[in-house]
């Protein structure tokens, strides 16, 4: 089907509202999840055209079918809270962080295989910083190469908060339809933009700017179509993404929403409805209804930073606080520290250190050593600069440099050179 011109009567939609810091970070090639929500009209990743992904040629397969028990929830405006009469499981900081590292494969890398990539991508990998997802995969899966992020079974979509995500193709419904709005106006907008975009694309893969011009919208407004599950993208980190149509997964939106919440609870738990709403980019009312629908699958817990919920199926894993903590250089926006509020306090108790990690602009990477975030890092070409928050032992120093040397950086042919800013023993 040939692309068609936009109708002169086509509805125009506002650009998706993004936090100020997020917009700046995307323009600078990084990611941030804080700041005041302002509709700035900034073109995300307006950097030019990319070559088609190798994964763009393999056939789309139906999304995984989930068999969890579900029930319809309420639509209360109040956050779902732990009842005063309920038995509450006490979890220490060590137990929470050990669980999060284990389920994220940060204690021990998974063997190189398509199945390992799917497992590592349980909660997706945010890819707003050029090749951030690649370095997140490298932190979790052995044998990761510069092109692993674009190989089957991985694909790119506009996922939670309309951010670029790398996910397993079989999880397309979870990260798209799982965010499909049910408010009539928002649902109409998503389906209208999707219909117009699909008609414009035909069977082509197209630069987002060209597609937006045909449908008569700003390139960022195309993201409203993402929750329909009818599009994949390819963004190589430099210029505008390509976009093309795929068959919509045959999954009920309600089921997809519950599965999205399960993924979040498994990887980020203990969690609250507010933290899920912030991560997923959904309204608190929707998040509360989803948690209500999952009530039979949840256990109330209390951590050093407050009360929250975990999946009942994860209880035994939380009770075990052991784990072989390894060294990792986590990229900007990595899942392990893509956190808000008190979850940041739990991960990094020191306020001054938190301000260095979660900045108001582009986040640096995080240095994970012996189970703790011990500093930040940044890269320019083959040069990696590490800023530790405390003196490291010679073994720690060697471990960090070894991890830096292993980074699968595309286009970098020179050996990695590590510079230490301060704090080395």
Protein backbone atom coordinates (compact mmCIF):
# COMPACT_ATOMS: atom_id res chain seq x y z
CA UNK A 1 0.00 0.00 0.00
CA UNK A 2 1.42 3.39 -0.95
CA UNK A 3 1.55 6.14 1.67
CA UNK A 4 -1.25 8.64 1.44
CA UNK A 5 -1.41 12.32 2.19
CA UNK A 6 -3.05 13.56 5.36
CA UNK A 7 -6.62 14.70 5.25
CA UNK A 8 -7.00 18.42 5.68
CA UNK A 9 -9.68 17.71 8.28
CA UNK A 10 -7.59 15.27 10.31
CA UNK A 11 -7.65 15.92 14.04
CA UNK A 12 -4.51 17.44 15.50
CA UNK A 13 -3.30 16.36 18.95
CA UNK A 14 -1.00 18.01 21.48
CA UNK A 15 2.50 16.67 21.88
CA UNK A 16 2.74 14.13 24.75
CA UNK A 17 3.46 15.90 28.03
CA UNK A 18 6.96 15.01 29.18
CA UNK A 19 8.81 16.19 32.29
CA UNK A 20 11.17 19.06 31.54
CA UNK A 21 14.23 17.11 32.65
CA UNK A 22 13.16 14.13 30.58
CA UNK A 23 12.89 16.23 27.46
CA UNK A 24 16.31 17.75 28.04
CA UNK A 25 17.82 14.36 28.71
CA UNK A 26 16.40 12.88 25.54
CA UNK A 27 17.81 15.72 23.51
CA UNK A 28 21.20 15.19 25.14
CA UNK A 29 21.11 11.43 24.63
CA UNK A 30 20.36 10.50 28.23
CA UNK A 31 17.41 9.73 30.47
CA UNK A 32 15.90 11.19 33.57
CA UNK A 33 12.65 10.53 35.39
CA UNK A 34 12.00 13.68 37.35
CA UNK A 35 11.04 17.28 36.85
CA UNK A 36 7.88 19.33 36.43
CA UNK A 37 5.48 18.18 33.69
CA UNK A 38 5.52 20.71 30.88
CA UNK A 39 4.28 20.32 27.32
CA UNK A 40 7.34 21.73 25.57
CA UNK A 41 6.94 20.38 22.06
CA UNK A 42 10.53 19.16 21.99
CA UNK A 43 11.22 16.63 19.27
CA UNK A 44 12.57 13.50 20.90
CA UNK A 45 15.65 12.03 19.22
CA UNK A 46 15.51 14.36 16.23
CA UNK A 47 18.83 13.17 14.93
CA UNK A 48 18.19 11.71 11.44
CA UNK A 49 17.64 8.35 9.73
CA UNK A 50 18.75 4.90 10.84
CA UNK A 51 19.31 1.65 8.97
CA UNK A 52 16.62 -1.02 9.41
CA UNK A 53 17.17 -3.45 12.26
CA UNK A 54 18.08 -7.00 11.50
CA UNK A 55 15.14 -7.93 13.70
CA UNK A 56 12.82 -5.86 11.51
CA UNK A 57 12.68 -8.61 8.93
CA UNK A 58 11.61 -11.51 11.11
CA UNK A 59 7.93 -12.28 11.39
CA UNK A 60 5.90 -10.91 14.25
CA UNK A 61 4.64 -13.62 16.54
CA UNK A 62 1.62 -13.49 18.85
CA UNK A 63 2.13 -12.23 22.36
CA UNK A 64 2.48 -14.71 25.19
CA UNK A 65 -0.79 -15.89 26.73
CA UNK A 66 -0.95 -15.49 30.51
CA UNK A 67 -2.81 -17.89 32.73
CA UNK A 68 -2.78 -16.01 36.04
CA UNK A 69 -6.06 -15.84 37.91
CA UNK A 70 -7.60 -12.40 37.52
CA UNK A 71 -10.68 -10.56 38.71
CA UNK A 72 -12.13 -7.17 37.89
CA UNK A 73 -11.00 -4.41 40.22
CA UNK A 74 -12.45 -1.22 41.58
CA UNK A 75 -11.79 2.26 40.29
CA UNK A 76 -11.11 3.95 43.62
CA UNK A 77 -9.17 7.19 43.56
CA UNK A 78 -7.44 6.30 46.85
CA UNK A 79 -4.11 4.46 46.75
CA UNK A 80 -4.27 0.81 47.71
CA UNK A 81 -2.81 0.69 51.23
CA UNK A 82 -1.85 -2.07 53.63
CA UNK A 83 -4.76 -2.76 55.97
CA UNK A 84 -4.11 -2.31 59.67
CA UNK A 85 -5.42 -5.78 60.45
CA UNK A 86 -3.40 -7.57 57.79
CA UNK A 87 -0.31 -9.63 58.58
CA UNK A 88 2.65 -7.68 57.24
CA UNK A 89 5.92 -9.30 56.27
CA UNK A 90 8.96 -7.37 57.52
CA UNK A 91 11.74 -7.05 54.93
CA UNK A 92 15.16 -5.56 55.54
CA UNK A 93 17.01 -3.33 53.11
CA UNK A 94 19.44 -6.17 52.40
CA UNK A 95 16.60 -8.56 51.56
CA UNK A 96 14.96 -6.09 49.17
CA UNK A 97 18.16 -5.23 47.31
CA UNK A 98 19.31 -8.86 47.16
CA UNK A 99 16.00 -9.85 45.60
CA UNK A 100 16.11 -7.04 43.05
CA UNK A 101 19.66 -7.97 42.05
CA UNK A 102 18.78 -11.65 41.70
CA UNK A 103 15.69 -11.19 39.57
CA UNK A 104 17.59 -8.70 37.42
CA UNK A 105 20.49 -11.17 36.92
CA UNK A 106 22.93 -8.65 38.38
CA UNK A 107 24.55 -11.14 40.77
CA UNK A 108 25.46 -13.58 38.00
CA UNK A 109 25.13 -13.11 34.26
CA UNK A 110 22.81 -15.41 32.35
CA UNK A 111 24.21 -17.71 29.69
CA UNK A 112 24.03 -16.28 26.18
CA UNK A 113 20.77 -17.40 24.53
CA UNK A 114 17.50 -15.97 23.19
CA UNK A 115 15.75 -17.27 26.29
CA UNK A 116 18.20 -15.38 28.52
CA UNK A 117 17.50 -12.18 26.60
CA UNK A 118 13.77 -12.65 27.14
CA UNK A 119 14.30 -13.30 30.84
CA UNK A 120 16.59 -10.32 31.30
CA UNK A 121 14.01 -8.10 29.60
CA UNK A 122 11.19 -9.03 31.99
CA UNK A 123 10.56 -5.34 32.78
CA UNK A 124 12.03 -4.09 29.49
CA UNK A 125 15.12 -1.94 29.05
CA UNK A 126 14.71 1.80 28.72
CA UNK A 127 16.73 2.92 25.71
CA UNK A 128 16.35 6.71 25.77
CA UNK A 129 20.11 7.13 26.14
CA UNK A 130 21.78 5.90 22.94
CA UNK A 131 22.56 2.22 23.49
CA UNK A 132 21.54 2.32 27.12
CA UNK A 133 19.59 -0.90 26.64
CA UNK A 134 22.67 -2.59 25.15
CA UNK A 135 24.72 -1.86 28.28
CA UNK A 136 21.82 -3.00 30.48
CA UNK A 137 21.74 -6.29 28.57
CA UNK A 138 25.53 -6.60 28.90
CA UNK A 139 25.19 -6.24 32.68
CA UNK A 140 22.88 -9.27 32.72
CA UNK A 141 23.69 -11.62 29.83
CA UNK A 142 27.05 -13.15 28.91
CA UNK A 143 28.38 -12.78 25.40
CA UNK A 144 26.56 -9.53 24.69
CA UNK A 145 27.92 -7.88 21.55
CA UNK A 146 27.44 -4.42 20.04
CA UNK A 147 24.44 -5.61 18.00
CA UNK A 148 22.70 -7.82 20.56
CA UNK A 149 20.04 -5.21 21.30
CA UNK A 150 18.63 -5.44 17.74
CA UNK A 151 18.72 -9.23 17.33
CA UNK A 152 15.74 -11.59 17.83
CA UNK A 153 13.91 -11.92 20.11
CA UNK A 154 14.38 -8.23 20.97
CA UNK A 155 12.49 -5.29 19.43
CA UNK A 156 12.04 -1.60 20.18
CA UNK A 157 8.79 0.14 21.08
CA UNK A 158 7.59 3.31 22.70
CA UNK A 159 6.72 1.82 26.07
CA UNK A 160 6.11 3.16 29.59
CA UNK A 161 5.92 6.96 29.67
CA UNK A 162 6.20 6.90 25.83
CA UNK A 163 9.94 6.26 26.30
CA UNK A 164 11.95 4.10 23.93
CA UNK A 165 12.19 0.55 25.30
CA UNK A 166 13.88 -2.65 24.16
CA UNK A 167 11.63 -5.61 24.98
CA UNK A 168 11.13 -9.24 24.01
CA UNK A 169 8.92 -9.38 20.94
CA UNK A 170 6.60 -11.86 22.64
CA UNK A 171 5.94 -9.19 25.29
CA UNK A 172 4.69 -6.59 22.83
CA UNK A 173 1.18 -6.59 24.32
CA UNK A 174 2.48 -6.16 27.87
CA UNK A 175 4.40 -2.96 27.17
CA UNK A 176 1.94 -1.44 24.71
CA UNK A 177 -1.63 -2.68 25.15
CA UNK A 178 -0.93 -2.87 28.87
CA UNK A 179 -0.89 0.93 28.76
CA UNK A 180 -3.87 1.38 26.44
CA UNK A 181 -6.12 4.03 28.05
CA UNK A 182 -9.73 3.24 28.83
CA UNK A 183 -10.85 6.86 29.17
CA UNK A 184 -12.97 7.50 26.03
CA UNK A 185 -11.12 10.63 24.90
CA UNK A 186 -7.64 9.17 25.37
CA UNK A 187 -8.64 5.84 23.82
CA UNK A 188 -10.08 7.60 20.79
CA UNK A 189 -6.87 9.59 20.40
CA UNK A 190 -4.71 6.45 20.52
CA UNK A 191 -6.84 4.59 17.99
CA UNK A 192 -7.27 7.58 15.69
CA UNK A 193 -3.53 8.27 15.53
CA UNK A 194 -2.89 4.54 15.02
CA UNK A 195 -5.40 4.31 12.15
CA UNK A 196 -3.97 7.36 10.42
CA UNK A 197 -0.39 6.23 10.94
CA UNK A 198 -1.08 2.70 9.70
CA UNK A 199 -2.72 4.06 6.56
CA UNK A 200 0.24 6.35 5.94
CA UNK A 201 2.84 3.64 6.42
CA UNK A 202 1.27 0.89 4.38
CA UNK A 203 3.92 -1.83 4.27
CA UNK A 204 6.82 0.61 4.47
CA UNK A 205 9.31 1.40 7.20
CA UNK A 206 9.43 5.14 7.42
CA UNK A 207 11.33 7.92 9.17
CA UNK A 208 9.06 9.28 11.91
CA UNK A 209 9.34 12.81 10.53
CA UNK A 210 8.05 11.68 7.15
CA UNK A 211 5.24 9.67 8.71
CA UNK A 212 4.26 12.59 10.93
CA UNK A 213 4.19 14.91 7.95
CA UNK A 214 1.81 12.59 6.09
CA UNK A 215 -0.63 12.29 8.99
CA UNK A 216 -0.35 15.98 9.84
CA UNK A 217 1.04 15.61 13.37
CA UNK A 218 4.18 16.50 15.27
CA UNK A 219 6.60 13.49 15.31
CA UNK A 220 6.22 13.19 19.08
CA UNK A 221 2.44 12.89 18.75
CA UNK A 222 2.89 9.60 16.88
CA UNK A 223 3.69 8.11 20.28
CA UNK A 224 0.02 8.25 21.17
CA UNK A 225 -0.43 5.27 18.83
CA UNK A 226 2.08 3.11 20.71
CA UNK A 227 -0.38 1.65 23.28
CA UNK A 228 -2.36 0.00 20.46
CA UNK A 229 0.48 -2.48 19.95
CA UNK A 230 0.38 -1.94 16.19
CA UNK A 231 3.86 -0.45 15.67
CA UNK A 232 7.52 -1.21 16.18
CA UNK A 233 10.36 1.29 15.95
CA UNK A 234 14.08 1.21 15.29
CA UNK A 235 16.24 3.89 16.87
CA UNK A 236 20.02 3.52 16.62
CA UNK A 237 20.68 6.40 19.02
CA UNK A 238 21.42 9.04 16.41
CA UNK A 239 18.57 10.68 14.52
CA UNK A 240 14.87 9.94 14.17
CA UNK A 241 13.59 6.39 14.60
CA UNK A 242 12.07 4.33 11.83
CA UNK A 243 8.52 3.11 12.41
CA UNK A 244 6.42 0.39 10.78
CA UNK A 245 3.17 -1.47 11.32
CA UNK A 246 2.76 -4.95 12.80
CA UNK A 247 -0.37 -7.02 13.56
CA UNK A 248 -1.92 -6.01 16.87
CA UNK A 249 -1.51 -8.72 19.55
CA UNK A 250 -4.74 -10.60 20.25
CA UNK A 251 -4.69 -9.87 23.98
CA UNK A 252 -7.36 -8.33 26.20
CA UNK A 253 -6.12 -4.95 27.49
CA UNK A 254 -7.21 -5.86 31.01
CA UNK A 255 -5.04 -8.97 30.99
CA UNK A 256 -2.09 -7.00 29.58
CA UNK A 257 -2.42 -4.37 32.32
CA UNK A 258 -2.28 -6.99 35.03
CA UNK A 259 0.76 -8.63 33.47
CA UNK A 260 2.54 -5.27 33.22
CA UNK A 261 1.94 -4.77 36.94
CA UNK A 262 3.18 -8.29 37.72
CA UNK A 263 6.38 -7.58 35.80
CA UNK A 264 6.85 -4.36 37.75
CA UNK A 265 6.20 -6.00 41.10
CA UNK A 266 8.60 -8.84 40.33
CA UNK A 267 11.51 -6.63 39.27
CA UNK A 268 10.92 -3.43 41.28
CA UNK A 269 9.06 -4.83 44.29
CA UNK A 270 8.22 -4.08 47.02
CA UNK A 271 6.06 -1.53 45.22
CA UNK A 272 3.13 0.79 45.71
CA UNK A 273 0.41 1.91 43.36
CA UNK A 274 2.04 5.33 43.17
CA UNK A 275 5.44 3.92 42.18
CA UNK A 276 3.82 1.69 39.55
CA UNK A 277 1.82 4.60 38.14
CA UNK A 278 4.97 6.71 37.88
CA UNK A 279 6.97 3.99 36.12
CA UNK A 280 4.22 2.86 33.77
CA UNK A 281 3.00 6.35 32.97
CA UNK A 282 -0.62 5.60 33.92
CA UNK A 283 -3.06 7.47 36.11
CA UNK A 284 -3.04 6.64 39.85
CA UNK A 285 -6.71 5.63 39.55
CA UNK A 286 -5.78 3.03 36.93
CA UNK A 287 -2.84 1.77 39.01
CA UNK A 288 -5.03 1.36 42.07
CA UNK A 289 -7.64 -0.61 40.12
CA UNK A 290 -4.93 -2.90 38.74
CA UNK A 291 -3.53 -3.63 42.20
CA UNK A 292 -7.06 -4.29 43.47
CA UNK A 293 -7.51 -6.83 40.68
CA UNK A 294 -4.26 -8.52 41.72
CA UNK A 295 -5.21 -8.61 45.41
CA UNK A 296 -5.24 -12.42 45.58
CA UNK A 297 -1.65 -12.48 44.25
CA UNK A 298 -0.18 -9.83 46.59
CA UNK A 299 1.39 -9.87 50.05
CA UNK A 300 1.70 -6.80 52.26
CA UNK A 301 5.24 -6.00 53.39
CA UNK A 302 7.00 -3.38 55.45
CA UNK A 303 10.47 -2.13 54.51
CA UNK A 304 12.70 0.51 56.14
CA UNK A 305 11.07 3.14 53.90
CA UNK A 306 7.43 2.14 54.36
CA UNK A 307 4.67 -0.30 53.50
CA UNK A 308 4.27 -1.80 50.05
CA UNK A 309 3.32 -4.96 48.13
CA UNK A 310 5.11 -7.93 46.63
CA UNK A 311 3.91 -10.89 44.58
CA UNK A 312 3.07 -13.86 46.78
CA UNK A 313 5.08 -16.01 44.39
CA UNK A 314 8.20 -13.97 45.30
CA UNK A 315 7.88 -14.32 49.08
CA UNK A 316 10.40 -17.12 49.48
CA UNK A 317 12.93 -15.29 47.31
CA UNK A 318 12.60 -12.16 49.45
CA UNK A 319 13.14 -14.13 52.64
CA UNK A 320 16.59 -15.11 51.39
CA UNK A 321 19.04 -12.21 51.54
CA UNK A 322 22.11 -14.00 50.22
CA UNK A 323 23.60 -13.48 46.78
CA UNK A 324 26.96 -13.30 45.10
CA UNK A 325 27.17 -9.56 44.51
CA UNK A 326 29.19 -8.75 41.37
CA UNK A 327 30.59 -5.62 39.77
CA UNK A 328 28.53 -3.86 37.10
CA UNK A 329 28.62 -0.51 35.32
CA UNK A 330 24.92 0.23 34.94
CA UNK A 331 24.00 2.71 32.19
CA UNK A 332 21.91 5.84 32.56
CA UNK A 333 18.31 4.81 33.18
CA UNK A 334 19.06 1.17 33.99
CA UNK A 335 16.15 -0.74 35.51
CA UNK A 336 17.96 -1.28 38.82
CA UNK A 337 17.88 2.41 39.69
CA UNK A 338 14.97 3.65 37.57
CA UNK A 339 13.29 4.62 40.83
CA UNK A 340 11.33 7.41 42.47
CA UNK A 341 10.72 8.73 45.96
CA UNK A 342 11.55 6.52 48.93
CA UNK A 343 12.82 3.72 46.68
CA UNK A 344 15.79 5.97 45.95
CA UNK A 345 16.40 6.40 49.68
CA UNK A 346 16.41 2.63 50.12
CA UNK A 347 18.96 2.10 47.34
CA UNK A 348 21.19 5.08 48.18
CA UNK A 349 20.68 6.21 51.80
CA UNK A 350 23.04 9.20 51.59
CA UNK A 351 21.23 12.34 50.34
CA UNK A 352 24.35 13.92 48.83
CA UNK A 353 25.08 10.75 46.87
CA UNK A 354 21.48 10.56 45.65
CA UNK A 355 21.80 14.05 44.24
CA UNK A 356 24.82 12.94 42.22
CA UNK A 357 23.07 9.88 40.79
CA UNK A 358 19.57 11.22 40.14
CA UNK A 359 20.44 14.61 38.72
CA UNK A 360 17.98 17.15 37.30
CA UNK A 361 19.33 16.60 33.79
CA UNK A 362 21.02 13.53 32.31
CA UNK A 363 21.66 10.79 34.82
CA UNK A 364 25.17 9.34 34.98
CA UNK A 365 25.66 5.60 35.07
CA UNK A 366 25.80 3.79 38.42
CA UNK A 367 28.73 1.74 39.73
CA UNK A 368 27.47 -1.44 41.43
CA UNK A 369 30.10 -3.15 43.61
CA UNK A 370 29.57 -5.79 46.29
CA UNK A 371 25.82 -5.24 46.26
CA UNK A 372 25.92 -1.47 46.71
CA UNK A 373 25.90 1.57 44.45
CA UNK A 374 29.32 3.03 45.24
CA UNK A 375 29.64 5.81 42.67
CA UNK A 376 28.79 7.12 39.24
CA UNK A 377 30.40 6.90 35.81
CA UNK A 378 30.24 8.60 32.45
CA UNK A 379 31.72 7.82 29.05
CA UNK A 380 32.95 9.81 26.08
CA UNK A 381 34.18 7.62 23.24
CA UNK A 382 36.70 5.14 24.65
CA UNK A 383 37.18 7.18 27.85
CA UNK A 384 35.30 6.14 30.99
CA UNK A 385 35.36 8.45 34.01
CA UNK A 386 34.49 6.90 37.37
CA UNK A 387 33.58 8.97 40.43
CA UNK A 388 33.54 6.70 43.50
CA UNK A 389 31.81 7.87 46.65
CA UNK A 390 34.30 6.16 48.93
CA UNK A 391 37.81 4.75 48.68
CA UNK A 392 37.83 1.40 46.92
CA UNK A 393 40.13 -1.50 47.67
CA UNK A 394 42.65 -2.56 45.03
CA UNK A 395 40.37 -5.50 44.23
CA UNK A 396 37.42 -3.14 43.77
CA UNK A 397 39.52 -0.87 41.61
CA UNK A 398 40.51 -3.83 39.42
CA UNK A 399 36.94 -5.14 39.21
CA UNK A 400 35.56 -1.83 37.98
CA UNK A 401 38.29 -1.43 35.38
CA UNK A 402 37.72 -5.00 34.19
CA UNK A 403 34.01 -4.34 33.79
CA UNK A 404 34.72 -1.14 31.86
CA UNK A 405 37.07 -3.00 29.52
CA UNK A 406 34.30 -5.50 28.73
CA UNK A 407 31.69 -2.93 27.60
CA UNK A 408 30.47 -3.86 24.08
CA UNK A 409 30.58 -0.33 22.70
CA UNK A 410 29.65 -0.06 19.02
CA UNK A 411 32.14 1.90 16.94
CA UNK A 412 34.78 2.05 19.70
CA UNK A 413 37.98 0.42 18.45
CA UNK A 414 40.47 1.79 20.99
CA UNK A 415 40.97 0.11 24.38
CA UNK A 416 38.82 1.55 27.15
CA UNK A 417 40.73 4.06 29.28
CA UNK A 418 39.42 4.53 32.83
CA UNK A 419 39.98 7.78 34.73
CA UNK A 420 39.32 7.90 38.47
CA UNK A 421 38.16 11.25 39.76
CA UNK A 422 38.75 10.73 43.50
CA UNK A 423 38.34 8.42 46.43
CA UNK A 424 40.58 5.52 45.40
CA UNK A 425 42.34 3.64 48.17
